[in-house]
Amino acid sequence: MDKNDTIFGKILRGELPSERVYEDDKVLAFKDINAAAPVHILVIPRKHLVNLFDVEMDSEEDKALVGHIMAVAAQVAKEQGLEESGFRLVLNNGAGVGQTVFHMHAHIIGGRDLSWPPG
């Protein structure tokens, strides 16, 4: 397996610092240093997947991992006080839609009005 040299791979290996808010044997959640809202947390799998296109439909492990990311995102959002106001969960899949780090990750974004269309 190729070494994951993305910034997230380096964070997972402890080579770069992060403000961790949750971790287990499958995922790591930490505060985004380029926050787009008062609460902006990334949830990344420990397994290197580029994005959702790398998830194998016939892999129960991959499908369970995606579900786990969603469950962790909900738990972290609650812990961050977003249960009443809500939050946006974003997974960019490809450079053409804004993915800049090619290690699958979910953005938990909240803490301000994110209604669409804006105001």
PDB file of N, CA and C in Angstrom:
ATOM      1  N   MET A   1       0.851  -1.184   0.000  1.00  0.00           N
ATOM      2  CA  MET A   1       0.000   0.000   0.000  1.00  0.00           C
ATOM      3  C   MET A   1       0.891   1.239   0.000  1.00  0.00           C
ATOM      4  N   ASP A   2       0.545   2.202  -0.843  1.00  0.00           N
ATOM      5  CA  ASP A   2       1.309   3.445  -0.911  1.00  0.00           C
ATOM      6  C   ASP A   2       1.136   4.246   0.367  1.00  0.00           C
ATOM      7  N   LYS A   3       2.188   4.943   0.738  1.00  0.00           N
ATOM      8  CA  LYS A   3       2.133   5.814   1.902  1.00  0.00           C
ATOM      9  C   LYS A   3       1.211   6.991   1.590  1.00  0.00           C
ATOM     10  N   ASN A   4       0.320   7.298   2.501  1.00  0.00           N
ATOM     11  CA  ASN A   4      -0.603   8.417   2.339  1.00  0.00           C
ATOM     12  C   ASN A   4       0.146   9.706   2.666  1.00  0.00           C
ATOM     13  N   ASP A   5       0.588  10.417   1.635  1.00  0.00           N
ATOM     14  CA  ASP A   5       1.359  11.638   1.845  1.00  0.00           C
ATOM     15  C   ASP A   5       0.518  12.901   1.848  1.00  0.00           C
ATOM     16  N   THR A   6      -0.806  12.767   1.922  1.00  0.00           N
ATOM     17  CA  THR A   6      -1.635  13.964   2.030  1.00  0.00           C
ATOM     18  C   THR A   6      -1.442  14.579   3.415  1.00  0.00           C
ATOM     19  N   ILE A   7      -1.906  15.798   3.563  1.00  0.00           N
ATOM     20  CA  ILE A   7      -1.833  16.460   4.867  1.00  0.00           C
ATOM     21  C   ILE A   7      -2.589  15.632   5.915  1.00  0.00           C
ATOM     22  N   PHE A   8      -3.674  14.977   5.501  1.00  0.00           N
ATOM     23  CA  PHE A   8      -4.429  14.165   6.456  1.00  0.00           C
ATOM     24  C   PHE A   8      -3.675  12.908   6.844  1.00  0.00           C
ATOM     25  N   GLY A   9      -2.937  12.330   5.912  1.00  0.00           N
ATOM     26  CA  GLY A   9      -2.091  11.193   6.260  1.00  0.00           C
ATOM     27  C   GLY A   9      -1.064  11.584   7.296  1.00  0.00           C
ATOM     28  N   LYS A  10      -0.491  12.766   7.128  1.00  0.00           N
ATOM     29  CA  LYS A  10       0.504  13.265   8.090  1.00  0.00           C
ATOM     30  C   LYS A  10      -0.127  13.551   9.445  1.00  0.00           C
ATOM     31  N   ILE A  11      -1.359  14.056   9.454  1.00  0.00           N
ATOM     32  CA  ILE A  11      -2.062  14.277  10.725  1.00  0.00           C
ATOM     33  C   ILE A  11      -2.348  12.939  11.397  1.00  0.00           C
ATOM     34  N   LEU A  12      -2.811  11.952  10.631  1.00  0.00           N
ATOM     35  CA  LEU A  12      -3.096  10.628  11.198  1.00  0.00           C
ATOM     36  C   LEU A  12      -1.856   9.999  11.824  1.00  0.00           C
ATOM     37  N   ARG A  13      -0.702  10.204  11.211  1.00  0.00           N
ATOM     38  CA  ARG A  13       0.549   9.628  11.726  1.00  0.00           C
ATOM     39  C   ARG A  13       1.165  10.478  12.839  1.00  0.00           C
ATOM     40  N   GLY A  14       0.574  11.623  13.143  1.00  0.00           N
ATOM     41  CA  GLY A  14       1.103  12.496  14.190  1.00  0.00           C
ATOM     42  C   GLY A  14       2.264  13.352  13.734  1.00  0.00           C
ATOM     43  N   GLU A  15       2.493  13.428  12.423  1.00  0.00           N
ATOM     44  CA  GLU A  15       3.582  14.250  11.891  1.00  0.00           C
ATOM     45  C   GLU A  15       3.208  15.724  11.840  1.00  0.00           C
ATOM     46  N   LEU A  16       1.917  16.024  11.826  1.00  0.00           N
ATOM     47  CA  LEU A  16       1.417  17.396  11.864  1.00  0.00           C
ATOM     48  C   LEU A  16       0.411  17.508  13.004  1.00  0.00           C
ATOM     49  N   PRO A  17       0.373  18.647  13.680  1.00  0.00           N
ATOM     50  CA  PRO A  17      -0.563  18.809  14.796  1.00  0.00           C
ATOM     51  C   PRO A  17      -1.993  19.011  14.308  1.00  0.00           C
ATOM     52  N   SER A  18      -2.933  18.695  15.173  1.00  0.00           N
ATOM     53  CA  SER A  18      -4.350  18.963  14.912  1.00  0.00           C
ATOM     54  C   SER A  18      -5.051  19.093  16.256  1.00  0.00           C
ATOM     55  N   GLU A  19      -6.139  19.844  16.254  1.00  0.00           N
ATOM     56  CA  GLU A  19      -6.951  19.970  17.463  1.00  0.00           C
ATOM     57  C   GLU A  19      -8.051  18.923  17.390  1.00  0.00           C
ATOM     58  N   ARG A  20      -7.759  17.765  17.947  1.00  0.00           N
ATOM     59  CA  ARG A  20      -8.646  16.611  17.854  1.00  0.00           C
ATOM     60  C   ARG A  20      -9.845  16.775  18.779  1.00  0.00           C
ATOM     61  N   VAL A  21     -11.006  16.401  18.250  1.00  0.00           N
ATOM     62  CA  VAL A  21     -12.220  16.444  19.062  1.00  0.00           C
ATOM     63  C   VAL A  21     -12.831  15.056  19.243  1.00  0.00           C
ATOM     64  N   TYR A  22     -12.419  14.092  18.415  1.00  0.00           N
ATOM     65  CA  TYR A  22     -12.903  12.718  18.524  1.00  0.00           C
ATOM     66  C   TYR A  22     -11.949  11.818  17.768  1.00  0.00           C
ATOM     67  N   GLU A  23     -11.735  10.626  18.308  1.00  0.00           N
ATOM     68  CA  GLU A  23     -11.012   9.613  17.543  1.00  0.00           C
ATOM     69  C   GLU A  23     -11.340   8.235  18.070  1.00  0.00           C
ATOM     70  N   ASP A  24     -11.296   7.289  17.155  1.00  0.00           N
ATOM     71  CA  ASP A  24     -11.433   5.879  17.500  1.00  0.00           C
ATOM     72  C   ASP A  24     -10.574   5.093  16.514  1.00  0.00           C
ATOM     73  N   ASP A  25     -10.782   3.790  16.445  1.00  0.00           N
ATOM     74  CA  ASP A  25      -9.928   2.971  15.589  1.00  0.00           C
ATOM     75  C   ASP A  25     -10.244   3.120  14.092  1.00  0.00           C
ATOM     76  N   LYS A  26     -11.347   3.812  13.756  1.00  0.00           N
ATOM     77  CA  LYS A  26     -11.748   3.951  12.358  1.00  0.00           C
ATOM     78  C   LYS A  26     -11.611   5.369  11.806  1.00  0.00           C
ATOM     79  N   VAL A  27     -11.817   6.378  12.663  1.00  0.00           N
ATOM     80  CA  VAL A  27     -11.836   7.765  12.189  1.00  0.00           C
ATOM     81  C   VAL A  27     -11.152   8.710  13.168  1.00  0.00           C
ATOM     82  N   LEU A  28     -10.873   9.896  12.647  1.00  0.00           N
ATOM     83  CA  LEU A  28     -10.343  10.998  13.450  1.00  0.00           C
ATOM     84  C   LEU A  28     -11.137  12.233  13.078  1.00  0.00           C
ATOM     85  N   ALA A  29     -11.549  13.017  14.077  1.00  0.00           N
ATOM     86  CA  ALA A  29     -12.237  14.286  13.841  1.00  0.00           C
ATOM     87  C   ALA A  29     -11.427  15.390  14.498  1.00  0.00           C
ATOM     88  N   PHE A  30     -11.223  16.467  13.741  1.00  0.00           N
ATOM     89  CA  PHE A  30     -10.419  17.587  14.252  1.00  0.00           C
ATOM     90  C   PHE A  30     -10.900  18.889  13.647  1.00  0.00           C
ATOM     91  N   LYS A  31     -10.554  19.990  14.324  1.00  0.00           N
ATOM     92  CA  LYS A  31     -10.979  21.313  13.869  1.00  0.00           C
ATOM     93  C   LYS A  31     -10.227  21.712  12.604  1.00  0.00           C
ATOM     94  N   ASP A  32     -10.973  22.270  11.649  1.00  0.00           N
ATOM     95  CA  ASP A  32     -10.389  22.737  10.397  1.00  0.00           C
ATOM     96  C   ASP A  32      -9.647  24.051  10.665  1.00  0.00           C
ATOM     97  N   ILE A  33      -8.395  24.137  10.240  1.00  0.00           N
ATOM     98  CA  ILE A  33      -7.622  25.363  10.480  1.00  0.00           C
ATOM     99  C   ILE A  33      -8.049  26.500   9.551  1.00  0.00           C
ATOM    100  N   ASN A  34      -8.793  26.194   8.500  1.00  0.00           N
ATOM    101  CA  ASN A  34      -9.339  27.211   7.594  1.00  0.00           C
ATOM    102  C   ASN A  34     -10.857  27.210   7.717  1.00  0.00           C
ATOM    103  N   ALA A  35     -11.337  27.448   8.927  1.00  0.00           N
ATOM    104  CA  ALA A  35     -12.762  27.317   9.229  1.00  0.00           C
ATOM    105  C   ALA A  35     -13.625  28.244   8.381  1.00  0.00           C
ATOM    106  N   ALA A  36     -14.708  27.678   7.848  1.00  0.00           N
ATOM    107  CA  ALA A  36     -15.678  28.431   7.058  1.00  0.00           C
ATOM    108  C   ALA A  36     -16.862  28.886   7.909  1.00  0.00           C
ATOM    109  N   ALA A  37     -16.882  28.503   9.176  1.00  0.00           N
ATOM    110  CA  ALA A  37     -17.972  28.836  10.088  1.00  0.00           C
ATOM    111  C   ALA A  37     -17.438  28.700  11.515  1.00  0.00           C
ATOM    112  N   PRO A  38     -18.193  29.194  12.501  1.00  0.00           N
ATOM    113  CA  PRO A  38     -17.733  29.061  13.894  1.00  0.00           C
ATOM    114  C   PRO A  38     -17.409  27.623  14.292  1.00  0.00           C
ATOM    115  N   VAL A  39     -18.176  26.669  13.778  1.00  0.00           N
ATOM    116  CA  VAL A  39     -17.857  25.251  13.968  1.00  0.00           C
ATOM    117  C   VAL A  39     -17.531  24.677  12.594  1.00  0.00           C
ATOM    118  N   HIS A  40     -16.314  24.182  12.451  1.00  0.00           N
ATOM    119  CA  HIS A  40     -15.901  23.542  11.199  1.00  0.00           C
ATOM    120  C   HIS A  40     -14.930  22.428  11.577  1.00  0.00           C
ATOM    121  N   ILE A  41     -15.431  21.226  11.528  1.00  0.00           N
ATOM    122  CA  ILE A  41     -14.677  20.047  11.952  1.00  0.00           C
ATOM    123  C   ILE A  41     -14.627  19.062  10.796  1.00  0.00           C
ATOM    124  N   LEU A  42     -13.492  18.432  10.623  1.00  0.00           N
ATOM    125  CA  LEU A  42     -13.306  17.423   9.593  1.00  0.00           C
ATOM    126  C   LEU A  42     -13.330  16.038  10.227  1.00  0.00           C
ATOM    127  N   VAL A  43     -13.999  15.111   9.575  1.00  0.00           N
ATOM    128  CA  VAL A  43     -14.000  13.707   9.997  1.00  0.00           C
ATOM    129  C   VAL A  43     -13.343  12.928   8.872  1.00  0.00           C
ATOM    130  N   ILE A  44     -12.228  12.262   9.202  1.00  0.00           N
ATOM    131  CA  ILE A  44     -11.484  11.526   8.183  1.00  0.00           C
ATOM    132  C   ILE A  44     -11.336  10.062   8.611  1.00  0.00           C
ATOM    133  N   PRO A  45     -11.427   9.161   7.645  1.00  0.00           N
ATOM    134  CA  PRO A  45     -11.191   7.758   7.980  1.00  0.00           C
ATOM    135  C   PRO A  45      -9.694   7.493   8.126  1.00  0.00           C
ATOM    136  N   ARG A  46      -9.343   6.568   8.971  1.00  0.00           N
ATOM    137  CA  ARG A  46      -7.933   6.161   9.081  1.00  0.00           C
ATOM    138  C   ARG A  46      -7.504   5.403   7.818  1.00  0.00           C
ATOM    139  N   LYS A  47      -8.438   4.702   7.208  1.00  0.00           N
ATOM    140  CA  LYS A  47      -8.159   4.015   5.953  1.00  0.00           C
ATOM    141  C   LYS A  47      -8.071   5.066   4.847  1.00  0.00           C
ATOM    142  N   HIS A  48      -7.048   4.965   4.020  1.00  0.00           N
ATOM    143  CA  HIS A  48      -6.906   5.937   2.938  1.00  0.00           C
ATOM    144  C   HIS A  48      -7.843   5.598   1.789  1.00  0.00           C
ATOM    145  N   LEU A  49      -8.822   6.464   1.606  1.00  0.00           N
ATOM    146  CA  LEU A  49      -9.715   6.450   0.453  1.00  0.00           C
ATOM    147  C   LEU A  49      -9.623   7.848  -0.135  1.00  0.00           C
ATOM    148  N   VAL A  50      -9.491   7.985  -1.426  1.00  0.00           N
ATOM    149  CA  VAL A  50      -9.381   9.309  -2.036  1.00  0.00           C
ATOM    150  C   VAL A  50     -10.676  10.089  -1.839  1.00  0.00           C
ATOM    151  N   ASN A  51     -11.805   9.475  -2.134  1.00  0.00           N
ATOM    152  CA  ASN A  51     -13.118  10.071  -1.919  1.00  0.00           C
ATOM    153  C   ASN A  51     -14.150   8.953  -2.047  1.00  0.00           C
ATOM    154  N   LEU A  52     -15.407   9.316  -2.142  1.00  0.00           N
ATOM    155  CA  LEU A  52     -16.449   8.282  -2.194  1.00  0.00           C
ATOM    156  C   LEU A  52     -16.324   7.355  -3.390  1.00  0.00           C
ATOM    157  N   PHE A  53     -15.682   7.805  -4.465  1.00  0.00           N
ATOM    158  CA  PHE A  53     -15.491   6.940  -5.627  1.00  0.00           C
ATOM    159  C   PHE A  53     -14.592   5.746  -5.311  1.00  0.00           C
ATOM    160  N   ASP A  54     -13.806   5.815  -4.237  1.00  0.00           N
ATOM    161  CA  ASP A  54     -12.958   4.696  -3.825  1.00  0.00           C
ATOM    162  C   ASP A  54     -13.697   3.671  -2.966  1.00  0.00           C
ATOM    163  N   VAL A  55     -14.894   3.998  -2.517  1.00  0.00           N
ATOM    164  CA  VAL A  55     -15.665   3.076  -1.685  1.00  0.00           C
ATOM    165  C   VAL A  55     -16.169   1.933  -2.565  1.00  0.00           C
ATOM    166  N   GLU A  56     -15.831   0.718  -2.189  1.00  0.00           N
ATOM    167  CA  GLU A  56     -16.236  -0.472  -2.952  1.00  0.00           C
ATOM    168  C   GLU A  56     -17.639  -0.911  -2.528  1.00  0.00           C
ATOM    169  N   MET A  57     -18.554  -0.974  -3.477  1.00  0.00           N
ATOM    170  CA  MET A  57     -19.935  -1.372  -3.182  1.00  0.00           C
ATOM    171  C   MET A  57     -20.032  -2.781  -2.615  1.00  0.00           C
ATOM    172  N   ASP A  58     -19.110  -3.664  -2.989  1.00  0.00           N
ATOM    173  CA  ASP A  58     -19.174  -5.034  -2.476  1.00  0.00           C
ATOM    174  C   ASP A  58     -18.333  -5.224  -1.220  1.00  0.00           C
ATOM    175  N   SER A  59     -17.844  -4.112  -0.652  1.00  0.00           N
ATOM    176  CA  SER A  59     -17.049  -4.192   0.568  1.00  0.00           C
ATOM    177  C   SER A  59     -17.892  -3.763   1.771  1.00  0.00           C
ATOM    178  N   GLU A  60     -18.248  -4.740   2.588  1.00  0.00           N
ATOM    179  CA  GLU A  60     -19.011  -4.420   3.800  1.00  0.00           C
ATOM    180  C   GLU A  60     -18.199  -3.498   4.704  1.00  0.00           C
ATOM    181  N   GLU A  61     -16.881  -3.667   4.727  1.00  0.00           N
ATOM    182  CA  GLU A  61     -16.013  -2.815   5.543  1.00  0.00           C
ATOM    183  C   GLU A  61     -16.109  -1.356   5.085  1.00  0.00           C
ATOM    184  N   ASP A  62     -16.021  -1.118   3.774  1.00  0.00           N
ATOM    185  CA  ASP A  62     -16.101   0.253   3.255  1.00  0.00           C
ATOM    186  C   ASP A  62     -17.464   0.875   3.537  1.00  0.00           C
ATOM    187  N   LYS A  63     -18.524   0.110   3.301  1.00  0.00           N
ATOM    188  CA  LYS A  63     -19.869   0.643   3.536  1.00  0.00           C
ATOM    189  C   LYS A  63     -20.084   0.942   5.020  1.00  0.00           C
ATOM    190  N   ALA A  64     -19.587   0.085   5.892  1.00  0.00           N
ATOM    191  CA  ALA A  64     -19.695   0.335   7.332  1.00  0.00           C
ATOM    192  C   ALA A  64     -18.889   1.566   7.724  1.00  0.00           C
ATOM    193  N   LEU A  65     -17.740   1.760   7.099  1.00  0.00           N
ATOM    194  CA  LEU A  65     -16.905   2.921   7.393  1.00  0.00           C
ATOM    195  C   LEU A  65     -17.623   4.218   7.030  1.00  0.00           C
ATOM    196  N   VAL A  66     -18.264   4.268   5.877  1.00  0.00           N
ATOM    197  CA  VAL A  66     -19.005   5.462   5.474  1.00  0.00           C
ATOM    198  C   VAL A  66     -20.136   5.736   6.472  1.00  0.00           C
ATOM    199  N   GLY A  67     -20.839   4.697   6.877  1.00  0.00           N
ATOM    200  CA  GLY A  67     -21.882   4.864   7.888  1.00  0.00           C
ATOM    201  C   GLY A  67     -21.325   5.347   9.208  1.00  0.00           C
ATOM    202  N   HIS A  68     -20.162   4.843   9.574  1.00  0.00           N
ATOM    203  CA  HIS A  68     -19.515   5.256  10.821  1.00  0.00           C
ATOM    204  C   HIS A  68     -19.141   6.736  10.757  1.00  0.00           C
ATOM    205  N   ILE A  69     -18.642   7.194   9.617  1.00  0.00           N
ATOM    206  CA  ILE A  69     -18.311   8.613   9.455  1.00  0.00           C
ATOM    207  C   ILE A  69     -19.558   9.461   9.696  1.00  0.00           C
ATOM    208  N   MET A  70     -20.698   9.051   9.151  1.00  0.00           N
ATOM    209  CA  MET A  70     -21.949   9.794   9.335  1.00  0.00           C
ATOM    210  C   MET A  70     -22.370   9.811  10.806  1.00  0.00           C
ATOM    211  N   ALA A  71     -22.265   8.658  11.471  1.00  0.00           N
ATOM    212  CA  ALA A  71     -22.655   8.575  12.876  1.00  0.00           C
ATOM    213  C   ALA A  71     -21.736   9.432  13.747  1.00  0.00           C
ATOM    214  N   VAL A  72     -20.439   9.396  13.469  1.00  0.00           N
ATOM    215  CA  VAL A  72     -19.494  10.216  14.230  1.00  0.00           C
ATOM    216  C   VAL A  72     -19.786  11.697  13.986  1.00  0.00           C
ATOM    217  N   ALA A  73     -20.081  12.063  12.740  1.00  0.00           N
ATOM    218  CA  ALA A  73     -20.402  13.459  12.439  1.00  0.00           C
ATOM    219  C   ALA A  73     -21.595  13.930  13.265  1.00  0.00           C
ATOM    220  N   ALA A  74     -22.632  13.120  13.363  1.00  0.00           N
ATOM    221  CA  ALA A  74     -23.802  13.493  14.158  1.00  0.00           C
ATOM    222  C   ALA A  74     -23.447  13.644  15.632  1.00  0.00           C
ATOM    223  N   GLN A  75     -22.655  12.710  16.155  1.00  0.00           N
ATOM    224  CA  GLN A  75     -22.260  12.778  17.568  1.00  0.00           C
ATOM    225  C   GLN A  75     -21.419  14.017  17.835  1.00  0.00           C
ATOM    226  N   VAL A  76     -20.438  14.280  16.989  1.00  0.00           N
ATOM    227  CA  VAL A  76     -19.570  15.443  17.168  1.00  0.00           C
ATOM    228  C   VAL A  76     -20.386  16.732  17.060  1.00  0.00           C
ATOM    229  N   ALA A  77     -21.315  16.796  16.104  1.00  0.00           N
ATOM    230  CA  ALA A  77     -22.164  17.986  15.961  1.00  0.00           C
ATOM    231  C   ALA A  77     -22.962  18.235  17.236  1.00  0.00           C
ATOM    232  N   LYS A  78     -23.504  17.179  17.833  1.00  0.00           N
ATOM    233  CA  LYS A  78     -24.219  17.322  19.106  1.00  0.00           C
ATOM    234  C   LYS A  78     -23.286  17.850  20.181  1.00  0.00           C
ATOM    235  N   GLU A  79     -22.091  17.270  20.278  1.00  0.00           N
ATOM    236  CA  GLU A  79     -21.116  17.695  21.288  1.00  0.00           C
ATOM    237  C   GLU A  79     -20.686  19.154  21.096  1.00  0.00           C
ATOM    238  N   GLN A  80     -20.767  19.639  19.864  1.00  0.00           N
ATOM    239  CA  GLN A  80     -20.397  21.024  19.562  1.00  0.00           C
ATOM    240  C   GLN A  80     -21.584  21.980  19.729  1.00  0.00           C
ATOM    241  N   GLY A  81     -22.718  21.470  20.189  1.00  0.00           N
ATOM    242  CA  GLY A  81     -23.883  22.304  20.446  1.00  0.00           C
ATOM    243  C   GLY A  81     -24.709  22.642  19.221  1.00  0.00           C
ATOM    244  N   LEU A  82     -24.632  21.819  18.175  1.00  0.00           N
ATOM    245  CA  LEU A  82     -25.326  22.119  16.931  1.00  0.00           C
ATOM    246  C   LEU A  82     -26.673  21.410  16.792  1.00  0.00           C
ATOM    247  N   GLU A  83     -27.093  20.705  17.818  1.00  0.00           N
ATOM    248  CA  GLU A  83     -28.314  19.907  17.693  1.00  0.00           C
ATOM    249  C   GLU A  83     -29.539  20.785  17.416  1.00  0.00           C
ATOM    250  N   GLU A  84     -29.636  21.941  18.063  1.00  0.00           N
ATOM    251  CA  GLU A  84     -30.803  22.805  17.856  1.00  0.00           C
ATOM    252  C   GLU A  84     -30.726  23.578  16.542  1.00  0.00           C
ATOM    253  N   SER A  85     -29.570  24.138  16.244  1.00  0.00           N
ATOM    254  CA  SER A  85     -29.435  24.979  15.044  1.00  0.00           C
ATOM    255  C   SER A  85     -29.190  24.177  13.770  1.00  0.00           C
ATOM    256  N   GLY A  86     -28.684  22.981  13.905  1.00  0.00           N
ATOM    257  CA  GLY A  86     -28.387  22.138  12.753  1.00  0.00           C
ATOM    258  C   GLY A  86     -26.978  22.356  12.228  1.00  0.00           C
ATOM    259  N   PHE A  87     -26.627  21.572  11.230  1.00  0.00           N
ATOM    260  CA  PHE A  87     -25.289  21.664  10.639  1.00  0.00           C
ATOM    261  C   PHE A  87     -25.350  21.159   9.219  1.00  0.00           C
ATOM    262  N   ARG A  88     -24.346  21.513   8.474  1.00  0.00           N
ATOM    263  CA  ARG A  88     -24.206  21.018   7.111  1.00  0.00           C
ATOM    264  C   ARG A  88     -23.086  19.983   7.127  1.00  0.00           C
ATOM    265  N   LEU A  89     -23.281  18.882   6.395  1.00  0.00           N
ATOM    266  CA  LEU A  89     -22.260  17.855   6.246  1.00  0.00           C
ATOM    267  C   LEU A  89     -21.891  17.810   4.774  1.00  0.00           C
ATOM    268  N   VAL A  90     -20.620  18.082   4.463  1.00  0.00           N
ATOM    269  CA  VAL A  90     -20.170  18.188   3.079  1.00  0.00           C
ATOM    270  C   VAL A  90     -19.070  17.181   2.819  1.00  0.00           C
ATOM    271  N   LEU A  91     -19.192  16.425   1.732  1.00  0.00           N
ATOM    272  CA  LEU A  91     -18.138  15.533   1.250  1.00  0.00           C
ATOM    273  C   LEU A  91     -17.886  15.906  -0.207  1.00  0.00           C
ATOM    274  N   ASN A  92     -16.795  16.575  -0.480  1.00  0.00           N
ATOM    275  CA  ASN A  92     -16.444  16.929  -1.855  1.00  0.00           C
ATOM    276  C   ASN A  92     -15.781  15.722  -2.511  1.00  0.00           C
ATOM    277  N   ASN A  93     -16.175  15.434  -3.737  1.00  0.00           N
ATOM    278  CA  ASN A  93     -15.676  14.258  -4.442  1.00  0.00           C
ATOM    279  C   ASN A  93     -15.117  14.658  -5.800  1.00  0.00           C
ATOM    280  N   GLY A  94     -13.867  15.094  -5.800  1.00  0.00           N
ATOM    281  CA  GLY A  94     -13.190  15.490  -7.025  1.00  0.00           C
ATOM    282  C   GLY A  94     -12.791  16.949  -7.020  1.00  0.00           C
ATOM    283  N   ALA A  95     -11.721  17.246  -7.728  1.00  0.00           N
ATOM    284  CA  ALA A  95     -11.191  18.611  -7.786  1.00  0.00           C
ATOM    285  C   ALA A  95     -12.206  19.584  -8.363  1.00  0.00           C
ATOM    286  N   GLY A  96     -13.038  19.136  -9.287  1.00  0.00           N
ATOM    287  CA  GLY A  96     -14.000  20.009  -9.935  1.00  0.00           C
ATOM    288  C   GLY A  96     -15.084  20.549  -9.024  1.00  0.00           C
ATOM    289  N   VAL A  97     -15.232  19.953  -7.850  1.00  0.00           N
ATOM    290  CA  VAL A  97     -16.232  20.444  -6.891  1.00  0.00           C
ATOM    291  C   VAL A  97     -15.597  20.936  -5.597  1.00  0.00           C
ATOM    292  N   GLY A  98     -14.290  21.133  -5.637  1.00  0.00           N
ATOM    293  CA  GLY A  98     -13.626  21.749  -4.491  1.00  0.00           C
ATOM    294  C   GLY A  98     -12.814  20.841  -3.600  1.00  0.00           C
ATOM    295  N   GLN A  99     -12.680  19.557  -3.937  1.00  0.00           N
ATOM    296  CA  GLN A  99     -11.833  18.705  -3.106  1.00  0.00           C
ATOM    297  C   GLN A  99     -10.385  19.104  -3.323  1.00  0.00           C
ATOM    298  N   THR A 100      -9.709  19.483  -2.232  1.00  0.00           N
ATOM    299  CA  THR A 100      -8.310  19.911  -2.332  1.00  0.00           C
ATOM    300  C   THR A 100      -7.359  18.945  -1.645  1.00  0.00           C
ATOM    301  N   VAL A 101      -7.873  18.136  -0.725  1.00  0.00           N
ATOM    302  CA  VAL A 101      -7.057  17.099  -0.082  1.00  0.00           C
ATOM    303  C   VAL A 101      -7.648  15.766  -0.521  1.00  0.00           C
ATOM    304  N   PHE A 102      -6.823  14.948  -1.164  1.00  0.00           N
ATOM    305  CA  PHE A 102      -7.321  13.722  -1.760  1.00  0.00           C
ATOM    306  C   PHE A 102      -7.205  12.532  -0.811  1.00  0.00           C
ATOM    307  N   HIS A 103      -7.869  12.717   0.321  1.00  0.00           N
ATOM    308  CA  HIS A 103      -8.135  11.704   1.338  1.00  0.00           C
ATOM    309  C   HIS A 103      -9.565  12.017   1.763  1.00  0.00           C
ATOM    310  N   MET A 104     -10.471  11.059   1.610  1.00  0.00           N
ATOM    311  CA  MET A 104     -11.878  11.306   1.889  1.00  0.00           C
ATOM    312  C   MET A 104     -12.064  11.984   3.235  1.00  0.00           C
ATOM    313  N   HIS A 105     -12.925  12.976   3.264  1.00  0.00           N
ATOM    314  CA  HIS A 105     -13.220  13.660   4.517  1.00  0.00           C
ATOM    315  C   HIS A 105     -14.582  14.325   4.452  1.00  0.00           C
ATOM    316  N   ALA A 106     -15.220  14.397   5.602  1.00  0.00           N
ATOM    317  CA  ALA A 106     -16.513  15.060   5.735  1.00  0.00           C
ATOM    318  C   ALA A 106     -16.314  16.321   6.551  1.00  0.00           C
ATOM    319  N   HIS A 107     -16.908  17.416   6.078  1.00  0.00           N
ATOM    320  CA  HIS A 107     -16.876  18.689   6.791  1.00  0.00           C
ATOM    321  C   HIS A 107     -18.163  18.827   7.598  1.00  0.00           C
ATOM    322  N   ILE A 108     -18.046  19.031   8.906  1.00  0.00           N
ATOM    323  CA  ILE A 108     -19.174  19.402   9.749  1.00  0.00           C
ATOM    324  C   ILE A 108     -19.100  20.922   9.854  1.00  0.00           C
ATOM    325  N   ILE A 109     -20.112  21.617   9.341  1.00  0.00           N
ATOM    326  CA  ILE A 109     -20.087  23.077   9.302  1.00  0.00           C
ATOM    327  C   ILE A 109     -21.355  23.599   9.963  1.00  0.00           C
ATOM    328  N   GLY A 110     -21.186  24.488  10.942  1.00  0.00           N
ATOM    329  CA  GLY A 110     -22.346  25.045  11.634  1.00  0.00           C
ATOM    330  C   GLY A 110     -21.969  26.196  12.531  1.00  0.00           C
ATOM    331  N   GLY A 111     -22.942  26.616  13.323  1.00  0.00           N
ATOM    332  CA  GLY A 111     -22.696  27.710  14.256  1.00  0.00           C
ATOM    333  C   GLY A 111     -23.063  29.082  13.700  1.00  0.00           C
ATOM    334  N   ARG A 112     -23.604  29.111  12.480  1.00  0.00           N
ATOM    335  CA  ARG A 112     -24.131  30.345  11.886  1.00  0.00           C
ATOM    336  C   ARG A 112     -25.206  29.950  10.890  1.00  0.00           C
ATOM    337  N   ASP A 113     -25.949  30.942  10.389  1.00  0.00           N
ATOM    338  CA  ASP A 113     -27.007  30.668   9.441  1.00  0.00           C
ATOM    339  C   ASP A 113     -26.428  30.162   8.132  1.00  0.00           C
ATOM    340  N   LEU A 114     -26.763  28.945   7.775  1.00  0.00           N
ATOM    341  CA  LEU A 114     -26.298  28.331   6.518  1.00  0.00           C
ATOM    342  C   LEU A 114     -27.475  28.008   5.612  1.00  0.00           C
ATOM    343  N   SER A 115     -28.618  28.651   5.851  1.00  0.00           N
ATOM    344  CA  SER A 115     -29.788  28.343   5.042  1.00  0.00           C
ATOM    345  C   SER A 115     -29.534  28.708   3.578  1.00  0.00           C
ATOM    346  N   TRP A 116     -30.241  28.001   2.704  1.00  0.00           N
ATOM    347  CA  TRP A 116     -30.057  28.210   1.274  1.00  0.00           C
ATOM    348  C   TRP A 116     -31.406  28.405   0.621  1.00  0.00           C
ATOM    349  N   PRO A 117     -31.599  29.372  -0.232  1.00  0.00           N
ATOM    350  CA  PRO A 117     -30.579  30.355  -0.608  1.00  0.00           C
ATOM    351  C   PRO A 117     -30.345  31.351   0.523  1.00  0.00           C
ATOM    352  N   PRO A 118     -29.149  31.956   0.528  1.00  0.00           N
ATOM    353  CA  PRO A 118     -28.833  32.923   1.597  1.00  0.00           C
ATOM    354  C   PRO A 118     -29.828  34.060   1.625  1.00  0.00           C
ATOM    355  N   GLY A 119     -30.057  34.533   2.824  1.00  0.00           N
ATOM    356  CA  GLY A 119     -30.880  35.524   3.130  1.00  0.00           C
ATOM    357  C   GLY A 119     -31.641  36.584   2.894  1.00  0.00           C
TER     358      GLY A 119
END
